[in-house]
Amino acid sequence: MTERYPTSSDDEREAAVEAATLAIQRGELLVLPTDTVYGVGADAFDPDAVRALLAAKGRGREMPPPVLVSSATTLDALATKVPDYARALVEAFWPGPLTLVCHQQSSLRWDIGDTRGTVAVRMPDHPVALEILERTGPLAVSSANKTGLPAATGAGPAMEMLGDAVSVVVDDGVSPGGEASTIVDCTGPQGRVLRRGALGIEALNAVLEPLGATLTDEG
């Protein structure tokens, strides 16, 4: 049965974070708030949990979930050959609504889907999400909705769509952003916007232009 945890007071918030952490340790799924939309999360290093996440969304291995982290320094533990322009974007926009697709570290012992040797990483700008991530480590997180339906910006809609597939729902009210993150492919010499989102390409390029770099827009 799904349990919903509010975060209105310090005690409620601690109980919610603890319940979320225990759910991840048990290999279960949780719904958590982020700065963009609500997400459904699983232990990134638990293949069974990641498969359950994909099944809950009605999604196949060909659409692996991004990985959320609590610190920008974790990027180098998950990714390799990170270009300078990607590091400039991290410095400017993390934590925030920016997902970077990088080459995956070959030493990682996980299975988050058919990644083709890449990993999509983001550090959300949301205090409750960061508290959870600090305790759980990297989480595979996708938007909390069935594939093809609008992303949930509140706990209620997420519960309606995902139902008993999740064991814990952390309810922190309406998402402050409400728009999905911008996704940038950083696997080549020039970055490519794969999905337009909360950050516009103009803002991204304003950071990169002093470095002599710009992004192409394929979003």
C-alpha atoms as a PDB file:
ATOM      1  CA  MET A   1       0.000   0.000   0.000  1.00  0.00           C
ATOM      2  CA  THR A   2       1.238   3.462  -0.895  1.00  0.00           C
ATOM      3  CA  GLU A   3       2.003   5.756   2.042  1.00  0.00           C
ATOM      4  CA  ARG A   4       1.909   9.537   1.600  1.00  0.00           C
ATOM      5  CA  TYR A   5       4.160  11.727   3.742  1.00  0.00           C
ATOM      6  CA  PRO A   6       3.666  15.502   4.066  1.00  0.00           C
ATOM      7  CA  THR A   7       6.590  17.836   4.739  1.00  0.00           C
ATOM      8  CA  SER A   8       4.861  20.812   6.391  1.00  0.00           C
ATOM      9  CA  SER A   9       6.896  20.717   9.614  1.00  0.00           C
ATOM     10  CA  ASP A  10      10.458  19.746  10.449  1.00  0.00           C
ATOM     11  CA  ASP A  11       9.266  16.526  12.089  1.00  0.00           C
ATOM     12  CA  GLU A  12       7.073  15.610   9.121  1.00  0.00           C
ATOM     13  CA  ARG A  13       9.897  16.339   6.721  1.00  0.00           C
ATOM     14  CA  GLU A  14      12.329  14.143   8.650  1.00  0.00           C
ATOM     15  CA  ALA A  15       9.775  11.327   8.714  1.00  0.00           C
ATOM     16  CA  ALA A  16       9.222  11.684   4.964  1.00  0.00           C
ATOM     17  CA  VAL A  17      12.936  11.631   4.161  1.00  0.00           C
ATOM     18  CA  GLU A  18      13.462   8.622   6.436  1.00  0.00           C
ATOM     19  CA  ALA A  19      10.557   6.730   4.847  1.00  0.00           C
ATOM     20  CA  ALA A  20      11.885   7.501   1.375  1.00  0.00           C
ATOM     21  CA  THR A  21      15.347   6.294   2.342  1.00  0.00           C
ATOM     22  CA  LEU A  22      14.013   3.033   3.770  1.00  0.00           C
ATOM     23  CA  ALA A  23      11.911   2.439   0.657  1.00  0.00           C
ATOM     24  CA  ILE A  24      14.996   2.753  -1.533  1.00  0.00           C
ATOM     25  CA  GLN A  25      16.955   0.416   0.744  1.00  0.00           C
ATOM     26  CA  ARG A  26      14.147  -2.143   0.373  1.00  0.00           C
ATOM     27  CA  GLY A  27      14.307  -1.932  -3.427  1.00  0.00           C
ATOM     28  CA  GLU A  28      10.984  -0.115  -3.683  1.00  0.00           C
ATOM     29  CA  LEU A  29       9.880   2.925  -5.675  1.00  0.00           C
ATOM     30  CA  LEU A  30       9.097   6.379  -4.305  1.00  0.00           C
ATOM     31  CA  VAL A  31       7.607   9.586  -5.591  1.00  0.00           C
ATOM     32  CA  LEU A  32       9.644  12.647  -4.674  1.00  0.00           C
ATOM     33  CA  PRO A  33       9.370  16.371  -5.340  1.00  0.00           C
ATOM     34  CA  THR A  34      11.958  18.183  -7.438  1.00  0.00           C
ATOM     35  CA  ASP A  35      12.429  21.733  -8.668  1.00  0.00           C
ATOM     36  CA  THR A  36      10.876  20.855 -12.042  1.00  0.00           C
ATOM     37  CA  VAL A  37       8.147  18.191 -11.735  1.00  0.00           C
ATOM     38  CA  TYR A  38       7.534  15.268  -9.382  1.00  0.00           C
ATOM     39  CA  GLY A  39       9.680  12.230 -10.059  1.00  0.00           C
ATOM     40  CA  VAL A  40       9.430   8.485  -9.505  1.00  0.00           C
ATOM     41  CA  GLY A  41      12.707   7.153  -8.176  1.00  0.00           C
ATOM     42  CA  ALA A  42      14.585   3.901  -7.647  1.00  0.00           C
ATOM     43  CA  ASP A  43      18.062   2.926  -6.479  1.00  0.00           C
ATOM     44  CA  ALA A  44      20.197   3.423  -9.592  1.00  0.00           C
ATOM     45  CA  PHE A  45      22.322   0.441  -8.573  1.00  0.00           C
ATOM     46  CA  ASP A  46      19.373  -1.953  -8.121  1.00  0.00           C
ATOM     47  CA  PRO A  47      18.478  -3.421 -11.551  1.00  0.00           C
ATOM     48  CA  ASP A  48      15.213  -4.922 -10.289  1.00  0.00           C
ATOM     49  CA  ALA A  49      14.104  -1.571  -8.885  1.00  0.00           C
ATOM     50  CA  VAL A  50      14.969   0.214 -12.140  1.00  0.00           C
ATOM     51  CA  ARG A  51      12.977  -2.374 -14.111  1.00  0.00           C
ATOM     52  CA  ALA A  52      10.058  -1.772 -11.761  1.00  0.00           C
ATOM     53  CA  LEU A  53      10.348   1.965 -12.398  1.00  0.00           C
ATOM     54  CA  LEU A  54      10.238   1.482 -16.165  1.00  0.00           C
ATOM     55  CA  ALA A  55       7.284  -0.890 -15.831  1.00  0.00           C
ATOM     56  CA  ALA A  56       5.402   1.577 -13.612  1.00  0.00           C
ATOM     57  CA  LYS A  57       5.734   4.228 -16.305  1.00  0.00           C
ATOM     58  CA  GLY A  58       4.921   1.834 -19.145  1.00  0.00           C
ATOM     59  CA  ARG A  59       8.337   2.412 -20.648  1.00  0.00           C
ATOM     60  CA  GLY A  60      10.936   0.061 -22.128  1.00  0.00           C
ATOM     61  CA  ARG A  61      14.684  -0.290 -21.713  1.00  0.00           C
ATOM     62  CA  GLU A  62      15.223   1.887 -24.772  1.00  0.00           C
ATOM     63  CA  MET A  63      14.268   4.926 -22.630  1.00  0.00           C
ATOM     64  CA  PRO A  64      16.572   4.723 -19.579  1.00  0.00           C
ATOM     65  CA  PRO A  65      15.864   7.156 -16.746  1.00  0.00           C
ATOM     66  CA  PRO A  66      18.180  10.008 -15.777  1.00  0.00           C
ATOM     67  CA  VAL A  67      20.156   9.795 -12.545  1.00  0.00           C
ATOM     68  CA  LEU A  68      19.748  12.450  -9.853  1.00  0.00           C
ATOM     69  CA  VAL A  69      22.655  13.277  -7.538  1.00  0.00           C
ATOM     70  CA  SER A  70      23.077  15.397  -4.411  1.00  0.00           C
ATOM     71  CA  SER A  71      26.408  16.967  -5.350  1.00  0.00           C
ATOM     72  CA  ALA A  72      28.068  18.182  -8.531  1.00  0.00           C
ATOM     73  CA  THR A  73      31.216  16.272  -7.572  1.00  0.00           C
ATOM     74  CA  THR A  74      29.309  13.012  -8.068  1.00  0.00           C
ATOM     75  CA  LEU A  75      29.300  13.668 -11.818  1.00  0.00           C
ATOM     76  CA  ASP A  76      32.863  12.381 -12.141  1.00  0.00           C
ATOM     77  CA  ALA A  77      31.958   9.187 -10.276  1.00  0.00           C
ATOM     78  CA  LEU A  78      29.297   8.431 -12.889  1.00  0.00           C
ATOM     79  CA  ALA A  79      30.686   9.990 -16.059  1.00  0.00           C
ATOM     80  CA  THR A  80      33.985  10.130 -17.908  1.00  0.00           C
ATOM     81  CA  LYS A  81      35.477  12.382 -20.593  1.00  0.00           C
ATOM     82  CA  VAL A  82      33.353  15.284 -19.348  1.00  0.00           C
ATOM     83  CA  PRO A  83      34.175  18.240 -21.647  1.00  0.00           C
ATOM     84  CA  ASP A  84      35.031  21.702 -20.380  1.00  0.00           C
ATOM     85  CA  TYR A  85      31.803  23.193 -21.733  1.00  0.00           C
ATOM     86  CA  ALA A  86      29.816  20.666 -19.684  1.00  0.00           C
ATOM     87  CA  ARG A  87      31.704  21.655 -16.538  1.00  0.00           C
ATOM     88  CA  ALA A  88      30.933  25.310 -17.246  1.00  0.00           C
ATOM     89  CA  LEU A  89      27.227  24.467 -17.472  1.00  0.00           C
ATOM     90  CA  VAL A  90      27.418  22.512 -14.199  1.00  0.00           C
ATOM     91  CA  GLU A  91      29.057  25.460 -12.455  1.00  0.00           C
ATOM     92  CA  ALA A  92      26.430  27.872 -13.763  1.00  0.00           C
ATOM     93  CA  PHE A  93      23.244  25.832 -13.499  1.00  0.00           C
ATOM     94  CA  TRP A  94      23.622  23.085 -10.878  1.00  0.00           C
ATOM     95  CA  PRO A  95      21.678  22.616  -8.780  1.00  0.00           C
ATOM     96  CA  GLY A  96      18.933  23.336 -11.276  1.00  0.00           C
ATOM     97  CA  PRO A  97      16.793  22.191 -14.214  1.00  0.00           C
ATOM     98  CA  LEU A  98      19.637  20.984 -16.440  1.00  0.00           C
ATOM     99  CA  THR A  99      20.298  17.336 -17.337  1.00  0.00           C
ATOM    100  CA  LEU A 100      23.628  16.465 -18.946  1.00  0.00           C
ATOM    101  CA  VAL A 101      24.149  13.328 -21.033  1.00  0.00           C
ATOM    102  CA  CYS A 102      27.761  12.170 -20.691  1.00  0.00           C
ATOM    103  CA  HIS A 103      29.878   9.098 -21.357  1.00  0.00           C
ATOM    104  CA  GLN A 104      29.276   6.585 -18.569  1.00  0.00           C
ATOM    105  CA  GLN A 105      32.073   5.329 -16.339  1.00  0.00           C
ATOM    106  CA  SER A 106      32.844   1.799 -17.536  1.00  0.00           C
ATOM    107  CA  SER A 107      33.400   0.640 -13.955  1.00  0.00           C
ATOM    108  CA  LEU A 108      29.781   1.217 -12.912  1.00  0.00           C
ATOM    109  CA  ARG A 109      27.961  -1.936 -11.858  1.00  0.00           C
ATOM    110  CA  TRP A 110      24.409  -1.062 -12.748  1.00  0.00           C
ATOM    111  CA  ASP A 111      21.752  -1.565 -15.409  1.00  0.00           C
ATOM    112  CA  ILE A 112      19.476   1.398 -15.972  1.00  0.00           C
ATOM    113  CA  GLY A 113      18.486   0.379 -19.508  1.00  0.00           C
ATOM    114  CA  ASP A 114      19.919   0.617 -23.000  1.00  0.00           C
ATOM    115  CA  THR A 115      22.119   3.636 -22.383  1.00  0.00           C
ATOM    116  CA  ARG A 116      24.584   3.013 -25.234  1.00  0.00           C
ATOM    117  CA  GLY A 117      27.425   3.865 -22.891  1.00  0.00           C
ATOM    118  CA  THR A 118      25.974   7.140 -21.655  1.00  0.00           C
ATOM    119  CA  VAL A 119      24.379   8.438 -18.483  1.00  0.00           C
ATOM    120  CA  ALA A 120      22.043  11.421 -18.017  1.00  0.00           C
ATOM    121  CA  VAL A 121      22.805  13.240 -14.756  1.00  0.00           C
ATOM    122  CA  ARG A 122      21.119  16.102 -12.898  1.00  0.00           C
ATOM    123  CA  MET A 123      21.416  17.787  -9.518  1.00  0.00           C
ATOM    124  CA  PRO A 124      17.967  19.133  -8.602  1.00  0.00           C
ATOM    125  CA  ASP A 125      17.488  22.467  -6.846  1.00  0.00           C
ATOM    126  CA  HIS A 126      15.026  21.218  -4.236  1.00  0.00           C
ATOM    127  CA  PRO A 127      15.900  20.883  -0.539  1.00  0.00           C
ATOM    128  CA  VAL A 128      13.771  17.802   0.158  1.00  0.00           C
ATOM    129  CA  ALA A 129      15.023  15.993  -2.940  1.00  0.00           C
ATOM    130  CA  LEU A 130      18.609  16.796  -1.995  1.00  0.00           C
ATOM    131  CA  GLU A 131      18.086  15.522   1.559  1.00  0.00           C
ATOM    132  CA  ILE A 132      16.784  12.227   0.190  1.00  0.00           C
ATOM    133  CA  LEU A 133      19.639  11.924  -2.305  1.00  0.00           C
ATOM    134  CA  GLU A 134      22.234  12.621   0.371  1.00  0.00           C
ATOM    135  CA  ARG A 135      21.006   9.562   2.257  1.00  0.00           C
ATOM    136  CA  THR A 136      20.288   7.217  -0.643  1.00  0.00           C
ATOM    137  CA  GLY A 137      23.040   8.053  -3.125  1.00  0.00           C
ATOM    138  CA  PRO A 138      22.274   8.395  -6.850  1.00  0.00           C
ATOM    139  CA  LEU A 139      18.687   7.616  -7.820  1.00  0.00           C
ATOM    140  CA  ALA A 140      17.272   6.694 -11.198  1.00  0.00           C
ATOM    141  CA  VAL A 141      14.430   9.211 -11.486  1.00  0.00           C
ATOM    142  CA  SER A 142      11.917   9.827 -14.243  1.00  0.00           C
ATOM    143  CA  SER A 143       8.890  12.105 -14.263  1.00  0.00           C
ATOM    144  CA  ALA A 144       6.104  10.722 -12.076  1.00  0.00           C
ATOM    145  CA  ASN A 145       3.564   9.894 -14.741  1.00  0.00           C
ATOM    146  CA  LYS A 146       2.542   7.185 -17.160  1.00  0.00           C
ATOM    147  CA  THR A 147       4.368   7.549 -20.467  1.00  0.00           C
ATOM    148  CA  GLY A 148       2.366   9.781 -22.780  1.00  0.00           C
ATOM    149  CA  LEU A 149       0.539  11.624 -19.984  1.00  0.00           C
ATOM    150  CA  PRO A 150       1.484  15.051 -18.575  1.00  0.00           C
ATOM    151  CA  ALA A 151       4.181  15.070 -15.903  1.00  0.00           C
ATOM    152  CA  ALA A 152       2.792  15.391 -12.383  1.00  0.00           C
ATOM    153  CA  THR A 153       3.412  18.696 -10.628  1.00  0.00           C
ATOM    154  CA  GLY A 154       1.856  17.474  -7.359  1.00  0.00           C
ATOM    155  CA  ALA A 155       1.781  14.340  -5.250  1.00  0.00           C
ATOM    156  CA  GLY A 156      -1.900  13.641  -5.904  1.00  0.00           C
ATOM    157  CA  PRO A 157      -1.688  13.335  -9.694  1.00  0.00           C
ATOM    158  CA  ALA A 158       1.480  11.233  -9.345  1.00  0.00           C
ATOM    159  CA  MET A 159      -0.342   8.802  -7.052  1.00  0.00           C
ATOM    160  CA  GLU A 160      -3.301   8.617  -9.408  1.00  0.00           C
ATOM    161  CA  MET A 161      -1.099   7.654 -12.337  1.00  0.00           C
ATOM    162  CA  LEU A 162       1.352   5.322 -10.599  1.00  0.00           C
ATOM    163  CA  GLY A 163      -0.889   3.793  -7.930  1.00  0.00           C
ATOM    164  CA  ASP A 164       0.428   0.879  -5.915  1.00  0.00           C
ATOM    165  CA  ALA A 165       3.614   0.673  -8.007  1.00  0.00           C
ATOM    166  CA  VAL A 166       5.178   3.111  -5.519  1.00  0.00           C
ATOM    167  CA  SER A 167       5.415   2.497  -1.779  1.00  0.00           C
ATOM    168  CA  VAL A 168       6.224   6.025  -0.553  1.00  0.00           C
ATOM    169  CA  VAL A 169       5.059   9.427  -1.782  1.00  0.00           C
ATOM    170  CA  VAL A 170       6.789  12.517  -0.401  1.00  0.00           C
ATOM    171  CA  ASP A 171       4.294  15.370  -0.682  1.00  0.00           C
ATOM    172  CA  ASP A 172       5.910  18.819  -0.678  1.00  0.00           C
ATOM    173  CA  GLY A 173       3.073  20.643  -2.399  1.00  0.00           C
ATOM    174  CA  VAL A 174       3.062  21.935  -5.963  1.00  0.00           C
ATOM    175  CA  SER A 175       6.360  21.784  -7.855  1.00  0.00           C
ATOM    176  CA  PRO A 176       7.974  25.235  -7.947  1.00  0.00           C
ATOM    177  CA  GLY A 177       9.076  24.885 -11.560  1.00  0.00           C
ATOM    178  CA  GLY A 178       6.428  22.823 -13.285  1.00  0.00           C
ATOM    179  CA  GLU A 179       8.482  22.387 -16.445  1.00  0.00           C
ATOM    180  CA  ALA A 180      10.838  19.524 -17.233  1.00  0.00           C
ATOM    181  CA  SER A 181      14.598  20.011 -17.256  1.00  0.00           C
ATOM    182  CA  THR A 182      16.527  20.938 -20.361  1.00  0.00           C
ATOM    183  CA  ILE A 183      18.624  18.014 -21.630  1.00  0.00           C
ATOM    184  CA  VAL A 184      22.032  18.624 -23.242  1.00  0.00           C
ATOM    185  CA  ASP A 185      24.104  15.923 -24.934  1.00  0.00           C
ATOM    186  CA  CYS A 186      27.710  16.449 -23.833  1.00  0.00           C
ATOM    187  CA  THR A 187      29.224  13.370 -25.476  1.00  0.00           C
ATOM    188  CA  GLY A 188      30.736  15.255 -28.419  1.00  0.00           C
ATOM    189  CA  PRO A 189      32.991  18.249 -29.021  1.00  0.00           C
ATOM    190  CA  GLN A 190      29.902  20.465 -29.327  1.00  0.00           C
ATOM    191  CA  GLY A 191      26.924  20.188 -27.017  1.00  0.00           C
ATOM    192  CA  ARG A 192      23.456  19.509 -28.391  1.00  0.00           C
ATOM    193  CA  VAL A 193      20.128  20.389 -26.790  1.00  0.00           C
ATOM    194  CA  LEU A 194      18.120  17.166 -26.941  1.00  0.00           C
ATOM    195  CA  ARG A 195      15.046  18.483 -25.098  1.00  0.00           C
ATOM    196  CA  ARG A 196      13.972  22.043 -24.569  1.00  0.00           C
ATOM    197  CA  GLY A 197      12.886  22.657 -21.009  1.00  0.00           C
ATOM    198  CA  ALA A 198      13.087  25.072 -18.121  1.00  0.00           C
ATOM    199  CA  LEU A 199      16.423  26.538 -19.291  1.00  0.00           C
ATOM    200  CA  GLY A 200      16.472  28.260 -22.662  1.00  0.00           C
ATOM    201  CA  ILE A 201      19.332  27.780 -25.117  1.00  0.00           C
ATOM    202  CA  GLU A 202      20.064  31.515 -24.918  1.00  0.00           C
ATOM    203  CA  ALA A 203      20.879  31.268 -21.215  1.00  0.00           C
ATOM    204  CA  LEU A 204      23.050  28.207 -21.803  1.00  0.00           C
ATOM    205  CA  ASN A 205      24.953  29.796 -24.657  1.00  0.00           C
ATOM    206  CA  ALA A 206      25.500  32.990 -22.665  1.00  0.00           C
ATOM    207  CA  VAL A 207      27.654  30.903 -20.321  1.00  0.00           C
ATOM    208  CA  LEU A 208      29.462  29.073 -23.126  1.00  0.00           C
ATOM    209  CA  GLU A 209      30.181  31.894 -25.566  1.00  0.00           C
ATOM    210  CA  PRO A 210      33.101  33.323 -23.505  1.00  0.00           C
ATOM    211  CA  LEU A 211      34.662  29.848 -23.849  1.00  0.00           C
ATOM    212  CA  GLY A 212      34.227  29.914 -27.620  1.00  0.00           C
ATOM    213  CA  ALA A 213      31.515  27.248 -27.454  1.00  0.00           C
ATOM    214  CA  THR A 214      27.832  27.135 -28.364  1.00  0.00           C
ATOM    215  CA  LEU A 215      25.111  24.518 -28.328  1.00  0.00           C
ATOM    216  CA  THR A 216      23.136  23.270 -31.283  1.00  0.00           C
ATOM    217  CA  ASP A 217      19.390  22.955 -30.778  1.00  0.00           C
ATOM    218  CA  GLU A 218      17.829  19.621 -31.668  1.00  0.00           C
ATOM    219  CA  GLY A 219      15.093  19.858 -29.054  1.00  0.00           C
END
